[in-house]
Amino acid sequence: MKTLEFLILGKNEAILPILLRLVNANDNWNAVAFNDEKLAQDYFLNTKIDMVLLSSGIEDHVEKEFTAFCLKNQPEVEVIEHFGGGSGLLQSEILHRLHLKGKL
């Protein structure tokens, strides 16, 4: 199985390292995290991303604009809004999307 690339965007500095650890704990999953949407956009334009995780602290208009940006530039990307609920919920959300896309 190929390595799936994740981009995490969130404004809660305490949560980002936790999300990174949870995603990167899975074989064949690789995540990078940003708290600045402009830096995340630059990275996104230069990297093939499979999943975007939107975390807490992002303003509604930024969330909508960033999602539209991602889908315009990489239409096959999956964007997941994850605002908490534990590691089991995060993994379930990701696995559900992968299943729907036929990547499991």
PDB file of N, CA and C in Angstrom:
ATOM      1  N   MET A   1       0.849  -1.186   0.000  1.00  0.00           N
ATOM      2  CA  MET A   1       0.000   0.000   0.000  1.00  0.00           C
ATOM      3  C   MET A   1       0.886   1.237   0.000  1.00  0.00           C
ATOM      4  N   LYS A   2       0.509   2.223  -0.786  1.00  0.00           N
ATOM      5  CA  LYS A   2       1.293   3.458  -0.830  1.00  0.00           C
ATOM      6  C   LYS A   2       1.077   4.276   0.437  1.00  0.00           C
ATOM      7  N   THR A   3       2.035   5.120   0.724  1.00  0.00           N
ATOM      8  CA  THR A   3       1.908   6.008   1.875  1.00  0.00           C
ATOM      9  C   THR A   3       0.903   7.103   1.560  1.00  0.00           C
ATOM     10  N   LEU A   4      -0.049   7.297   2.460  1.00  0.00           N
ATOM     11  CA  LEU A   4      -1.034   8.361   2.314  1.00  0.00           C
ATOM     12  C   LEU A   4      -0.501   9.620   2.966  1.00  0.00           C
ATOM     13  N   GLU A   5      -0.611  10.722   2.257  1.00  0.00           N
ATOM     14  CA  GLU A   5      -0.101  12.005   2.738  1.00  0.00           C
ATOM     15  C   GLU A   5      -1.248  12.842   3.300  1.00  0.00           C
ATOM     16  N   PHE A   6      -1.044  13.325   4.526  1.00  0.00           N
ATOM     17  CA  PHE A   6      -2.032  14.128   5.234  1.00  0.00           C
ATOM     18  C   PHE A   6      -1.492  15.528   5.462  1.00  0.00           C
ATOM     19  N   LEU A   7      -2.364  16.503   5.331  1.00  0.00           N
ATOM     20  CA  LEU A   7      -2.064  17.873   5.724  1.00  0.00           C
ATOM     21  C   LEU A   7      -3.074  18.239   6.803  1.00  0.00           C
ATOM     22  N   ILE A   8      -2.568  18.680   7.943  1.00  0.00           N
ATOM     23  CA  ILE A   8      -3.426  19.078   9.056  1.00  0.00           C
ATOM     24  C   ILE A   8      -3.327  20.587   9.212  1.00  0.00           C
ATOM     25  N   LEU A   9      -4.478  21.245   9.277  1.00  0.00           N
ATOM     26  CA  LEU A   9      -4.521  22.684   9.509  1.00  0.00           C
ATOM     27  C   LEU A   9      -5.366  22.943  10.743  1.00  0.00           C
ATOM     28  N   GLY A  10      -4.781  23.651  11.693  1.00  0.00           N
ATOM     29  CA  GLY A  10      -5.504  23.999  12.911  1.00  0.00           C
ATOM     30  C   GLY A  10      -4.823  25.152  13.615  1.00  0.00           C
ATOM     31  N   LYS A  11      -5.557  25.831  14.454  1.00  0.00           N
ATOM     32  CA  LYS A  11      -5.018  26.994  15.172  1.00  0.00           C
ATOM     33  C   LYS A  11      -4.717  26.696  16.638  1.00  0.00           C
ATOM     34  N   ASN A  12      -5.138  25.550  17.132  1.00  0.00           N
ATOM     35  CA  ASN A  12      -4.887  25.189  18.522  1.00  0.00           C
ATOM     36  C   ASN A  12      -3.523  24.510  18.609  1.00  0.00           C
ATOM     37  N   GLU A  13      -2.524  25.264  19.056  1.00  0.00           N
ATOM     38  CA  GLU A  13      -1.135  24.784  19.080  1.00  0.00           C
ATOM     39  C   GLU A  13      -0.955  23.533  19.939  1.00  0.00           C
ATOM     40  N   ALA A  14      -1.774  23.357  20.956  1.00  0.00           N
ATOM     41  CA  ALA A  14      -1.641  22.187  21.826  1.00  0.00           C
ATOM     42  C   ALA A  14      -2.171  20.915  21.159  1.00  0.00           C
ATOM     43  N   ILE A  15      -3.107  21.063  20.244  1.00  0.00           N
ATOM     44  CA  ILE A  15      -3.745  19.915  19.596  1.00  0.00           C
ATOM     45  C   ILE A  15      -2.938  19.398  18.405  1.00  0.00           C
ATOM     46  N   LEU A  16      -2.270  20.282  17.679  1.00  0.00           N
ATOM     47  CA  LEU A  16      -1.567  19.863  16.461  1.00  0.00           C
ATOM     48  C   LEU A  16      -0.566  18.734  16.696  1.00  0.00           C
ATOM     49  N   PRO A  17       0.289  18.789  17.732  1.00  0.00           N
ATOM     50  CA  PRO A  17       1.221  17.675  17.945  1.00  0.00           C
ATOM     51  C   PRO A  17       0.511  16.352  18.245  1.00  0.00           C
ATOM     52  N   ILE A  18      -0.628  16.432  18.900  1.00  0.00           N
ATOM     53  CA  ILE A  18      -1.395  15.218  19.196  1.00  0.00           C
ATOM     54  C   ILE A  18      -1.934  14.612  17.905  1.00  0.00           C
ATOM     55  N   LEU A  19      -2.496  15.455  17.047  1.00  0.00           N
ATOM     56  CA  LEU A  19      -3.003  14.959  15.767  1.00  0.00           C
ATOM     57  C   LEU A  19      -1.883  14.368  14.918  1.00  0.00           C
ATOM     58  N   LEU A  20      -0.741  15.032  14.900  1.00  0.00           N
ATOM     59  CA  LEU A  20       0.411  14.497  14.165  1.00  0.00           C
ATOM     60  C   LEU A  20       0.789  13.115  14.682  1.00  0.00           C
ATOM     61  N   ARG A  21       0.877  12.989  15.997  1.00  0.00           N
ATOM     62  CA  ARG A  21       1.255  11.706  16.599  1.00  0.00           C
ATOM     63  C   ARG A  21       0.236  10.624  16.252  1.00  0.00           C
ATOM     64  N   LEU A  22      -1.052  10.943  16.341  1.00  0.00           N
ATOM     65  CA  LEU A  22      -2.093   9.957  16.060  1.00  0.00           C
ATOM     66  C   LEU A  22      -2.075   9.500  14.605  1.00  0.00           C
ATOM     67  N   VAL A  23      -1.940  10.430  13.692  1.00  0.00           N
ATOM     68  CA  VAL A  23      -1.920  10.055  12.273  1.00  0.00           C
ATOM     69  C   VAL A  23      -0.639   9.301  11.944  1.00  0.00           C
ATOM     70  N   ASN A  24       0.498   9.814  12.380  1.00  0.00           N
ATOM     71  CA  ASN A  24       1.778   9.192  12.035  1.00  0.00           C
ATOM     72  C   ASN A  24       2.011   7.863  12.737  1.00  0.00           C
ATOM     73  N   ALA A  25       1.179   7.506  13.710  1.00  0.00           N
ATOM     74  CA  ALA A  25       1.298   6.210  14.381  1.00  0.00           C
ATOM     75  C   ALA A  25       0.834   5.064  13.479  1.00  0.00           C
ATOM     76  N   ASN A  26       0.153   5.378  12.416  1.00  0.00           N
ATOM     77  CA  ASN A  26      -0.344   4.364  11.486  1.00  0.00           C
ATOM     78  C   ASN A  26       0.676   4.099  10.390  1.00  0.00           C
ATOM     79  N   ASP A  27       0.865   2.823  10.099  1.00  0.00           N
ATOM     80  CA  ASP A  27       1.742   2.466   8.987  1.00  0.00           C
ATOM     81  C   ASP A  27       1.180   3.068   7.703  1.00  0.00           C
ATOM     82  N   ASN A  28       2.050   3.571   6.881  1.00  0.00           N
ATOM     83  CA  ASN A  28       1.693   4.121   5.572  1.00  0.00           C
ATOM     84  C   ASN A  28       0.866   5.397   5.633  1.00  0.00           C
ATOM     85  N   TRP A  29       0.888   6.094   6.761  1.00  0.00           N
ATOM     86  CA  TRP A  29       0.264   7.412   6.874  1.00  0.00           C
ATOM     87  C   TRP A  29       1.348   8.398   7.272  1.00  0.00           C
ATOM     88  N   ASN A  30       1.421   9.517   6.578  1.00  0.00           N
ATOM     89  CA  ASN A  30       2.411  10.549   6.879  1.00  0.00           C
ATOM     90  C   ASN A  30       1.709  11.905   6.933  1.00  0.00           C
ATOM     91  N   ALA A  31       1.886  12.603   8.043  1.00  0.00           N
ATOM     92  CA  ALA A  31       1.195  13.884   8.221  1.00  0.00           C
ATOM     93  C   ALA A  31       2.174  15.009   8.502  1.00  0.00           C
ATOM     94  N   VAL A  32       1.801  16.192   8.025  1.00  0.00           N
ATOM     95  CA  VAL A  32       2.461  17.443   8.400  1.00  0.00           C
ATOM     96  C   VAL A  32       1.355  18.373   8.881  1.00  0.00           C
ATOM     97  N   ALA A  33       1.705  19.270   9.797  1.00  0.00           N
ATOM     98  CA  ALA A  33       0.692  20.154  10.380  1.00  0.00           C
ATOM     99  C   ALA A  33       1.107  21.608  10.251  1.00  0.00           C
ATOM    100  N   PHE A  34       0.103  22.454  10.088  1.00  0.00           N
ATOM    101  CA  PHE A  34       0.309  23.893   9.965  1.00  0.00           C
ATOM    102  C   PHE A  34      -0.717  24.624  10.813  1.00  0.00           C
ATOM    103  N   ASN A  35      -0.308  25.774  11.344  1.00  0.00           N
ATOM    104  CA  ASN A  35      -1.265  26.646  12.029  1.00  0.00           C
ATOM    105  C   ASN A  35      -1.506  27.918  11.221  1.00  0.00           C
ATOM    106  N   ASP A  36      -0.917  27.989  10.047  1.00  0.00           N
ATOM    107  CA  ASP A  36      -1.048  29.143   9.158  1.00  0.00           C
ATOM    108  C   ASP A  36      -1.519  28.648   7.796  1.00  0.00           C
ATOM    109  N   GLU A  37      -2.671  29.125   7.357  1.00  0.00           N
ATOM    110  CA  GLU A  37      -3.245  28.623   6.108  1.00  0.00           C
ATOM    111  C   GLU A  37      -2.413  28.971   4.878  1.00  0.00           C
ATOM    112  N   LYS A  38      -1.701  30.090   4.891  1.00  0.00           N
ATOM    113  CA  LYS A  38      -0.868  30.453   3.734  1.00  0.00           C
ATOM    114  C   LYS A  38       0.298  29.479   3.582  1.00  0.00           C
ATOM    115  N   LEU A  39       0.939  29.125   4.693  1.00  0.00           N
ATOM    116  CA  LEU A  39       2.015  28.128   4.644  1.00  0.00           C
ATOM    117  C   LEU A  39       1.467  26.771   4.216  1.00  0.00           C
ATOM    118  N   ALA A  40       0.282  26.433   4.707  1.00  0.00           N
ATOM    119  CA  ALA A  40      -0.350  25.173   4.325  1.00  0.00           C
ATOM    120  C   ALA A  40      -0.664  25.157   2.830  1.00  0.00           C
ATOM    121  N   GLN A  41      -1.126  26.287   2.294  1.00  0.00           N
ATOM    122  CA  GLN A  41      -1.419  26.365   0.859  1.00  0.00           C
ATOM    123  C   GLN A  41      -0.149  26.183   0.035  1.00  0.00           C
ATOM    124  N   ASP A  42       0.936  26.809   0.442  1.00  0.00           N
ATOM    125  CA  ASP A  42       2.202  26.655  -0.279  1.00  0.00           C
ATOM    126  C   ASP A  42       2.634  25.194  -0.303  1.00  0.00           C
ATOM    127  N   TYR A  43       2.546  24.536   0.844  1.00  0.00           N
ATOM    128  CA  TYR A  43       2.914  23.124   0.929  1.00  0.00           C
ATOM    129  C   TYR A  43       1.989  22.290   0.043  1.00  0.00           C
ATOM    130  N   PHE A  44       0.701  22.569   0.107  1.00  0.00           N
ATOM    131  CA  PHE A  44      -0.301  21.828  -0.653  1.00  0.00           C
ATOM    132  C   PHE A  44      -0.032  21.913  -2.155  1.00  0.00           C
ATOM    133  N   LEU A  45       0.351  23.076  -2.622  1.00  0.00           N
ATOM    134  CA  LEU A  45       0.607  23.259  -4.053  1.00  0.00           C
ATOM    135  C   LEU A  45       1.808  22.462  -4.540  1.00  0.00           C
ATOM    136  N   ASN A  46       2.707  22.119  -3.630  1.00  0.00           N
ATOM    137  CA  ASN A  46       3.941  21.429  -4.007  1.00  0.00           C
ATOM    138  C   ASN A  46       3.978  19.966  -3.598  1.00  0.00           C
ATOM    139  N   THR A  47       2.890  19.453  -3.036  1.00  0.00           N
ATOM    140  CA  THR A  47       2.871  18.087  -2.521  1.00  0.00           C
ATOM    141  C   THR A  47       1.542  17.433  -2.869  1.00  0.00           C
ATOM    142  N   LYS A  48       1.586  16.191  -3.312  1.00  0.00           N
ATOM    143  CA  LYS A  48       0.358  15.426  -3.557  1.00  0.00           C
ATOM    144  C   LYS A  48      -0.200  15.013  -2.202  1.00  0.00           C
ATOM    145  N   ILE A  49      -1.394  15.501  -1.877  1.00  0.00           N
ATOM    146  CA  ILE A  49      -2.027  15.249  -0.589  1.00  0.00           C
ATOM    147  C   ILE A  49      -3.246  14.349  -0.797  1.00  0.00           C
ATOM    148  N   ASP A  50      -3.394  13.355   0.075  1.00  0.00           N
ATOM    149  CA  ASP A  50      -4.554  12.464   0.023  1.00  0.00           C
ATOM    150  C   ASP A  50      -5.679  12.932   0.935  1.00  0.00           C
ATOM    151  N   MET A  51      -5.304  13.446   2.114  1.00  0.00           N
ATOM    152  CA  MET A  51      -6.294  13.859   3.111  1.00  0.00           C
ATOM    153  C   MET A  51      -5.895  15.178   3.742  1.00  0.00           C
ATOM    154  N   VAL A  52      -6.871  16.052   3.883  1.00  0.00           N
ATOM    155  CA  VAL A  52      -6.698  17.294   4.637  1.00  0.00           C
ATOM    156  C   VAL A  52      -7.565  17.176   5.879  1.00  0.00           C
ATOM    157  N   LEU A  53      -6.956  17.388   7.042  1.00  0.00           N
ATOM    158  CA  LEU A  53      -7.701  17.407   8.297  1.00  0.00           C
ATOM    159  C   LEU A  53      -7.780  18.839   8.781  1.00  0.00           C
ATOM    160  N   LEU A  54      -8.986  19.330   8.942  1.00  0.00           N
ATOM    161  CA  LEU A  54      -9.201  20.665   9.486  1.00  0.00           C
ATOM    162  C   LEU A  54      -9.519  20.506  10.963  1.00  0.00           C
ATOM    163  N   SER A  55      -8.714  21.122  11.796  1.00  0.00           N
ATOM    164  CA  SER A  55      -8.850  20.971  13.239  1.00  0.00           C
ATOM    165  C   SER A  55      -9.435  22.237  13.856  1.00  0.00           C
ATOM    166  N   SER A  56      -9.357  22.325  15.153  1.00  0.00           N
ATOM    167  CA  SER A  56     -10.011  23.410  15.890  1.00  0.00           C
ATOM    168  C   SER A  56      -9.314  24.753  15.725  1.00  0.00           C
ATOM    169  N   GLY A  57     -10.093  25.803  15.941  1.00  0.00           N
ATOM    170  CA  GLY A  57      -9.568  27.159  15.946  1.00  0.00           C
ATOM    171  C   GLY A  57      -9.585  27.877  14.615  1.00  0.00           C
ATOM    172  N   ILE A  58     -10.047  27.215  13.576  1.00  0.00           N
ATOM    173  CA  ILE A  58     -10.087  27.837  12.251  1.00  0.00           C
ATOM    174  C   ILE A  58     -11.404  28.597  12.104  1.00  0.00           C
ATOM    175  N   GLU A  59     -11.324  29.836  11.672  1.00  0.00           N
ATOM    176  CA  GLU A  59     -12.538  30.620  11.441  1.00  0.00           C
ATOM    177  C   GLU A  59     -13.333  30.013  10.281  1.00  0.00           C
ATOM    178  N   ASP A  60     -14.644  30.163  10.332  1.00  0.00           N
ATOM    179  CA  ASP A  60     -15.519  29.559   9.323  1.00  0.00           C
ATOM    180  C   ASP A  60     -15.134  29.955   7.903  1.00  0.00           C
ATOM    181  N   HIS A  61     -14.882  31.244   7.674  1.00  0.00           N
ATOM    182  CA  HIS A  61     -14.562  31.676   6.309  1.00  0.00           C
ATOM    183  C   HIS A  61     -13.225  31.096   5.850  1.00  0.00           C
ATOM    184  N   VAL A  62     -12.273  30.942   6.751  1.00  0.00           N
ATOM    185  CA  VAL A  62     -10.980  30.345   6.397  1.00  0.00           C
ATOM    186  C   VAL A  62     -11.171  28.868   6.055  1.00  0.00           C
ATOM    187  N   GLU A  63     -11.980  28.190   6.841  1.00  0.00           N
ATOM    188  CA  GLU A  63     -12.263  26.778   6.584  1.00  0.00           C
ATOM    189  C   GLU A  63     -12.872  26.594   5.195  1.00  0.00           C
ATOM    190  N   LYS A  64     -13.857  27.419   4.859  1.00  0.00           N
ATOM    191  CA  LYS A  64     -14.511  27.327   3.549  1.00  0.00           C
ATOM    192  C   LYS A  64     -13.537  27.662   2.421  1.00  0.00           C
ATOM    193  N   GLU A  65     -12.769  28.726   2.588  1.00  0.00           N
ATOM    194  CA  GLU A  65     -11.814  29.134   1.557  1.00  0.00           C
ATOM    195  C   GLU A  65     -10.721  28.086   1.374  1.00  0.00           C
ATOM    196  N   PHE A  66     -10.218  27.530   2.473  1.00  0.00           N
ATOM    197  CA  PHE A  66      -9.151  26.536   2.375  1.00  0.00           C
ATOM    198  C   PHE A  66      -9.674  25.253   1.731  1.00  0.00           C
ATOM    199  N   THR A  67     -10.879  24.849   2.090  1.00  0.00           N
ATOM    200  CA  THR A  67     -11.478  23.661   1.477  1.00  0.00           C
ATOM    201  C   THR A  67     -11.649  23.868  -0.023  1.00  0.00           C
ATOM    202  N   ALA A  68     -12.169  25.016  -0.430  1.00  0.00           N
ATOM    203  CA  ALA A  68     -12.343  25.311  -1.858  1.00  0.00           C
ATOM    204  C   ALA A  68     -11.000  25.322  -2.578  1.00  0.00           C
ATOM    205  N   PHE A  69      -9.986  25.916  -1.950  1.00  0.00           N
ATOM    206  CA  PHE A  69      -8.637  25.947  -2.518  1.00  0.00           C
ATOM    207  C   PHE A  69      -8.130  24.525  -2.753  1.00  0.00           C
ATOM    208  N   CYS A  70      -8.280  23.672  -1.747  1.00  0.00           N
ATOM    209  CA  CYS A  70      -7.791  22.296  -1.852  1.00  0.00           C
ATOM    210  C   CYS A  70      -8.492  21.545  -2.975  1.00  0.00           C
ATOM    211  N   LEU A  71      -9.816  21.631  -3.016  1.00  0.00           N
ATOM    212  CA  LEU A  71     -10.581  20.897  -4.023  1.00  0.00           C
ATOM    213  C   LEU A  71     -10.347  21.431  -5.431  1.00  0.00           C
ATOM    214  N   LYS A  72     -10.064  22.714  -5.553  1.00  0.00           N
ATOM    215  CA  LYS A  72      -9.759  23.286  -6.865  1.00  0.00           C
ATOM    216  C   LYS A  72      -8.412  22.782  -7.375  1.00  0.00           C
ATOM    217  N   ASN A  73      -7.430  22.709  -6.494  1.00  0.00           N
ATOM    218  CA  ASN A  73      -6.074  22.360  -6.908  1.00  0.00           C
ATOM    219  C   ASN A  73      -5.792  20.865  -6.923  1.00  0.00           C
ATOM    220  N   GLN A  74      -6.506  20.102  -6.112  1.00  0.00           N
ATOM    221  CA  GLN A  74      -6.368  18.645  -6.099  1.00  0.00           C
ATOM    222  C   GLN A  74      -7.768  18.058  -5.867  1.00  0.00           C
ATOM    223  N   PRO A  75      -8.576  17.963  -6.930  1.00  0.00           N
ATOM    224  CA  PRO A  75      -9.986  17.581  -6.785  1.00  0.00           C
ATOM    225  C   PRO A  75     -10.220  16.233  -6.104  1.00  0.00           C
ATOM    226  N   GLU A  76      -9.239  15.362  -6.134  1.00  0.00           N
ATOM    227  CA  GLU A  76      -9.416  14.040  -5.535  1.00  0.00           C
ATOM    228  C   GLU A  76      -9.105  14.009  -4.040  1.00  0.00           C
ATOM    229  N   VAL A  77      -8.669  15.119  -3.483  1.00  0.00           N
ATOM    230  CA  VAL A  77      -8.321  15.167  -2.060  1.00  0.00           C
ATOM    231  C   VAL A  77      -9.582  15.035  -1.201  1.00  0.00           C
ATOM    232  N   GLU A  78      -9.432  14.408  -0.054  1.00  0.00           N
ATOM    233  CA  GLU A  78     -10.513  14.309   0.931  1.00  0.00           C
ATOM    234  C   GLU A  78     -10.271  15.352   2.009  1.00  0.00           C
ATOM    235  N   VAL A  79     -11.290  16.115   2.345  1.00  0.00           N
ATOM    236  CA  VAL A  79     -11.191  17.119   3.406  1.00  0.00           C
ATOM    237  C   VAL A  79     -12.105  16.678   4.544  1.00  0.00           C
ATOM    238  N   ILE A  80     -11.514  16.520   5.725  1.00  0.00           N
ATOM    239  CA  ILE A  80     -12.252  16.075   6.907  1.00  0.00           C
ATOM    240  C   ILE A  80     -12.175  17.160   7.965  1.00  0.00           C
ATOM    241  N   GLU A  81     -13.317  17.524   8.489  1.00  0.00           N
ATOM    242  CA  GLU A  81     -13.363  18.450   9.625  1.00  0.00           C
ATOM    243  C   GLU A  81     -13.327  17.609  10.888  1.00  0.00           C
ATOM    244  N   HIS A  82     -12.270  17.762  11.679  1.00  0.00           N
ATOM    245  CA  HIS A  82     -12.144  16.996  12.924  1.00  0.00           C
ATOM    246  C   HIS A  82     -11.892  17.970  14.060  1.00  0.00           C
ATOM    247  N   PHE A  83     -12.850  18.072  14.942  1.00  0.00           N
ATOM    248  CA  PHE A  83     -12.743  19.037  16.029  1.00  0.00           C
ATOM    249  C   PHE A  83     -12.700  18.377  17.392  1.00  0.00           C
ATOM    250  N   GLY A  84     -12.328  17.117  17.437  1.00  0.00           N
ATOM    251  CA  GLY A  84     -12.172  16.436  18.715  1.00  0.00           C
ATOM    252  C   GLY A  84     -13.004  15.179  18.787  1.00  0.00           C
ATOM    253  N   GLY A  85     -12.912  14.539  19.930  1.00  0.00           N
ATOM    254  CA  GLY A  85     -13.681  13.323  20.132  1.00  0.00           C
ATOM    255  C   GLY A  85     -12.815  12.100  20.348  1.00  0.00           C
ATOM    256  N   GLY A  86     -11.518  12.284  20.412  1.00  0.00           N
ATOM    257  CA  GLY A  86     -10.643  11.161  20.720  1.00  0.00           C
ATOM    258  C   GLY A  86     -10.018  10.531  19.499  1.00  0.00           C
ATOM    259  N   SER A  87      -8.963   9.764  19.759  1.00  0.00           N
ATOM    260  CA  SER A  87      -8.191   9.162  18.681  1.00  0.00           C
ATOM    261  C   SER A  87      -8.998   8.125  17.915  1.00  0.00           C
ATOM    262  N   GLY A  88      -9.885   7.410  18.607  1.00  0.00           N
ATOM    263  CA  GLY A  88     -10.699   6.414  17.921  1.00  0.00           C
ATOM    264  C   GLY A  88     -11.625   7.038  16.897  1.00  0.00           C
ATOM    265  N   LEU A  89     -12.193   8.182  17.234  1.00  0.00           N
ATOM    266  CA  LEU A  89     -13.073   8.880  16.306  1.00  0.00           C
ATOM    267  C   LEU A  89     -12.293   9.374  15.091  1.00  0.00           C
ATOM    268  N   LEU A  90     -11.135   9.943  15.306  1.00  0.00           N
ATOM    269  CA  LEU A  90     -10.314  10.426  14.198  1.00  0.00           C
ATOM    270  C   LEU A  90      -9.985   9.289  13.244  1.00  0.00           C
ATOM    271  N   GLN A  91      -9.504   8.189  13.783  1.00  0.00           N
ATOM    272  CA  GLN A  91      -9.149   7.059  12.930  1.00  0.00           C
ATOM    273  C   GLN A  91     -10.379   6.526  12.195  1.00  0.00           C
ATOM    274  N   SER A  92     -11.508   6.467  12.870  1.00  0.00           N
ATOM    275  CA  SER A  92     -12.742   6.006  12.224  1.00  0.00           C
ATOM    276  C   SER A  92     -13.154   6.929  11.082  1.00  0.00           C
ATOM    277  N   GLU A  93     -13.039   8.238  11.297  1.00  0.00           N
ATOM    278  CA  GLU A  93     -13.375   9.198  10.240  1.00  0.00           C
ATOM    279  C   GLU A  93     -12.481   8.990   9.021  1.00  0.00           C
ATOM    280  N   ILE A  94     -11.198   8.809   9.262  1.00  0.00           N
ATOM    281  CA  ILE A  94     -10.252   8.618   8.161  1.00  0.00           C
ATOM    282  C   ILE A  94     -10.527   7.300   7.445  1.00  0.00           C
ATOM    283  N   LEU A  95     -10.672   6.220   8.200  1.00  0.00           N
ATOM    284  CA  LEU A  95     -10.909   4.913   7.590  1.00  0.00           C
ATOM    285  C   LEU A  95     -12.220   4.891   6.812  1.00  0.00           C
ATOM    286  N   HIS A  96     -13.236   5.570   7.318  1.00  0.00           N
ATOM    287  CA  HIS A  96     -14.515   5.651   6.607  1.00  0.00           C
ATOM    288  C   HIS A  96     -14.331   6.323   5.249  1.00  0.00           C
ATOM    289  N   ARG A  97     -13.615   7.430   5.226  1.00  0.00           N
ATOM    290  CA  ARG A  97     -13.374   8.135   3.951  1.00  0.00           C
ATOM    291  C   ARG A  97     -12.558   7.267   2.995  1.00  0.00           C
ATOM    292  N   LEU A  98     -11.548   6.586   3.519  1.00  0.00           N
ATOM    293  CA  LEU A  98     -10.734   5.711   2.672  1.00  0.00           C
ATOM    294  C   LEU A  98     -11.586   4.585   2.093  1.00  0.00           C
ATOM    295  N   HIS A  99     -12.468   4.045   2.904  1.00  0.00           N
ATOM    296  CA  HIS A  99     -13.366   2.986   2.442  1.00  0.00           C
ATOM    297  C   HIS A  99     -14.279   3.508   1.327  1.00  0.00           C
ATOM    298  N   LEU A 100     -14.853   4.686   1.524  1.00  0.00           N
ATOM    299  CA  LEU A 100     -15.735   5.267   0.508  1.00  0.00           C
ATOM    300  C   LEU A 100     -14.998   5.523  -0.802  1.00  0.00           C
ATOM    301  N   LYS A 101     -13.719   5.870  -0.709  1.00  0.00           N
ATOM    302  CA  LYS A 101     -12.917   6.149  -1.912  1.00  0.00           C
ATOM    303  C   LYS A 101     -12.346   4.874  -2.529  1.00  0.00           C
ATOM    304  N   GLY A 102     -12.574   3.723  -1.884  1.00  0.00           N
ATOM    305  CA  GLY A 102     -12.042   2.466  -2.392  1.00  0.00           C
ATOM    306  C   GLY A 102     -10.554   2.315  -2.174  1.00  0.00           C
ATOM    307  N   LYS A 103     -10.019   3.002  -1.172  1.00  0.00           N
ATOM    308  CA  LYS A 103      -8.581   2.942  -0.906  1.00  0.00           C
ATOM    309  C   LYS A 103      -8.242   1.987   0.238  1.00  0.00           C
ATOM    310  N   LEU A 104      -9.219   1.214   0.689  1.00  0.00           N
ATOM    311  CA  LEU A 104      -8.954   0.216   1.736  1.00  0.00           C
ATOM    312  C   LEU A 104      -9.064  -1.170   1.169  1.00  0.00           C
TER     313      LEU A 104
END
